Protein backbone atom coordinates (compact mmCIF):
# COMPACT_ATOMS: atom_id res chain seq x y z
CA MET A 1 14.26 23.66 -21.43
CA THR A 2 17.09 24.10 -19.03
CA LEU A 3 17.37 22.28 -15.78
CA GLU A 4 19.13 24.08 -13.00
CA ILE A 5 20.69 21.94 -10.36
CA CYS A 6 21.07 23.74 -7.11
CA HIS A 7 23.39 22.26 -4.54
CA VAL A 8 21.98 23.20 -1.18
CA PRO A 9 23.22 21.58 1.98
CA LEU A 10 20.74 19.31 3.68
CA TYR A 11 19.65 20.91 6.93
CA ILE A 12 17.44 18.93 9.29
CA ALA A 13 16.22 21.06 12.18
CA ASP A 14 14.35 18.28 14.02
CA ALA A 15 16.66 16.08 16.12
CA GLU A 16 14.42 13.02 15.84
CA VAL A 17 14.29 13.33 12.04
CA GLY A 18 18.05 13.79 11.97
CA ASN A 19 18.53 10.64 14.03
CA LEU A 20 16.20 8.70 11.75
CA ALA A 21 18.05 9.93 8.68
CA ARG A 22 21.41 8.92 10.14
CA GLU A 23 20.03 5.50 11.10
CA VAL A 24 18.74 4.99 7.55
CA GLN A 25 22.13 6.13 6.22
CA GLN A 26 23.88 3.48 8.30
CA ILE A 27 21.40 0.71 7.50
CA ILE A 28 21.45 1.23 3.74
CA LYS A 29 25.13 2.18 3.77
CA ALA A 30 24.49 5.45 1.94
CA ARG A 31 27.56 7.61 1.32
CA THR A 32 25.80 10.77 2.44
CA LEU A 33 22.83 11.83 4.52
CA THR A 34 21.29 13.37 1.40
CA GLU A 35 21.54 10.03 -0.42
CA ALA A 36 19.87 8.29 2.52
CA VAL A 37 17.01 10.82 2.61
CA ARG A 38 16.58 10.64 -1.19
CA THR A 39 16.39 6.84 -1.09
CA ALA A 40 13.94 6.84 1.82
CA LEU A 41 11.70 9.39 0.09
CA GLN A 42 11.78 7.47 -3.20
CA HIS A 43 10.80 4.25 -1.43
CA GLU A 44 7.98 5.99 0.43
CA MET A 45 6.67 7.49 -2.81
CA GLU A 46 6.73 4.05 -4.49
CA ARG A 47 4.92 2.50 -1.52
CA ALA A 48 2.31 5.25 -1.40
CA ARG A 49 1.58 4.86 -5.11
CA THR A 50 0.81 1.15 -4.67
CA ILE A 51 -1.78 1.62 -1.92
CA VAL A 52 -5.32 0.95 -3.13
CA PRO A 53 -7.81 3.08 -1.19
CA LEU A 54 -10.29 1.18 0.99
CA LYS A 55 -13.28 2.46 -1.01
CA ASP A 56 -11.73 1.00 -4.18
CA ARG A 57 -11.03 -2.37 -2.50
CA ILE A 58 -14.61 -2.49 -1.20
CA ARG A 59 -15.97 -1.55 -4.64
CA LYS A 60 -13.99 -4.43 -6.18
CA CYS A 61 -15.52 -6.90 -3.70
CA GLN A 62 -18.98 -5.50 -4.35
CA ASP A 63 -18.51 -5.81 -8.11
CA GLU A 64 -17.29 -9.42 -7.80
CA TYR A 65 -20.28 -10.25 -5.59
CA ALA A 66 -22.69 -8.60 -8.05
CA ALA A 67 -21.15 -10.62 -10.89
CA LEU A 68 -22.28 -13.83 -9.15
CA GLY A 69 -25.84 -12.99 -10.12
CA PRO A 70 -29.02 -12.11 -8.27
CA ASP A 71 -29.95 -13.66 -4.94
CA ASN A 72 -32.69 -16.26 -4.95
CA PRO A 73 -34.88 -15.73 -1.87
CA ASN A 74 -36.53 -19.14 -2.45
CA VAL A 75 -33.35 -21.19 -2.00
CA ASP A 76 -33.76 -23.96 0.56
CA LEU A 77 -30.36 -23.87 2.23
CA LYS A 78 -30.99 -27.05 4.25
CA THR A 79 -31.63 -29.03 1.06
CA PHE A 80 -28.68 -27.38 -0.64
CA PHE A 81 -26.26 -28.30 2.15
CA ASP A 82 -27.73 -31.79 2.59
CA GLU A 83 -27.16 -32.44 -1.12
CA MET A 84 -23.69 -30.93 -0.97
CA TRP A 85 -22.73 -33.19 1.95
CA GLU A 86 -24.75 -36.12 0.58
CA SER A 87 -26.73 -36.43 3.76
CA GLY A 88 -30.28 -35.82 4.66
């Protein structure tokens, strides 16, 4: 397997994107604009990979709740809380 490395100049047509790239370059003290863009893209990819989708977070909560056991519709909450607070 051969890996070809192609050196193509970085061309950013959008002025706002160019300004953002230059700002990142200054902040992270990157030697080149390409290095700044590479670093920013790598960080964004790492961040995106760590995001747990909402449906998965909800499923985790539902599973933890289900693991507590079935609900008891005959629970007397007043008695429960009175006993918990030692009052009545």
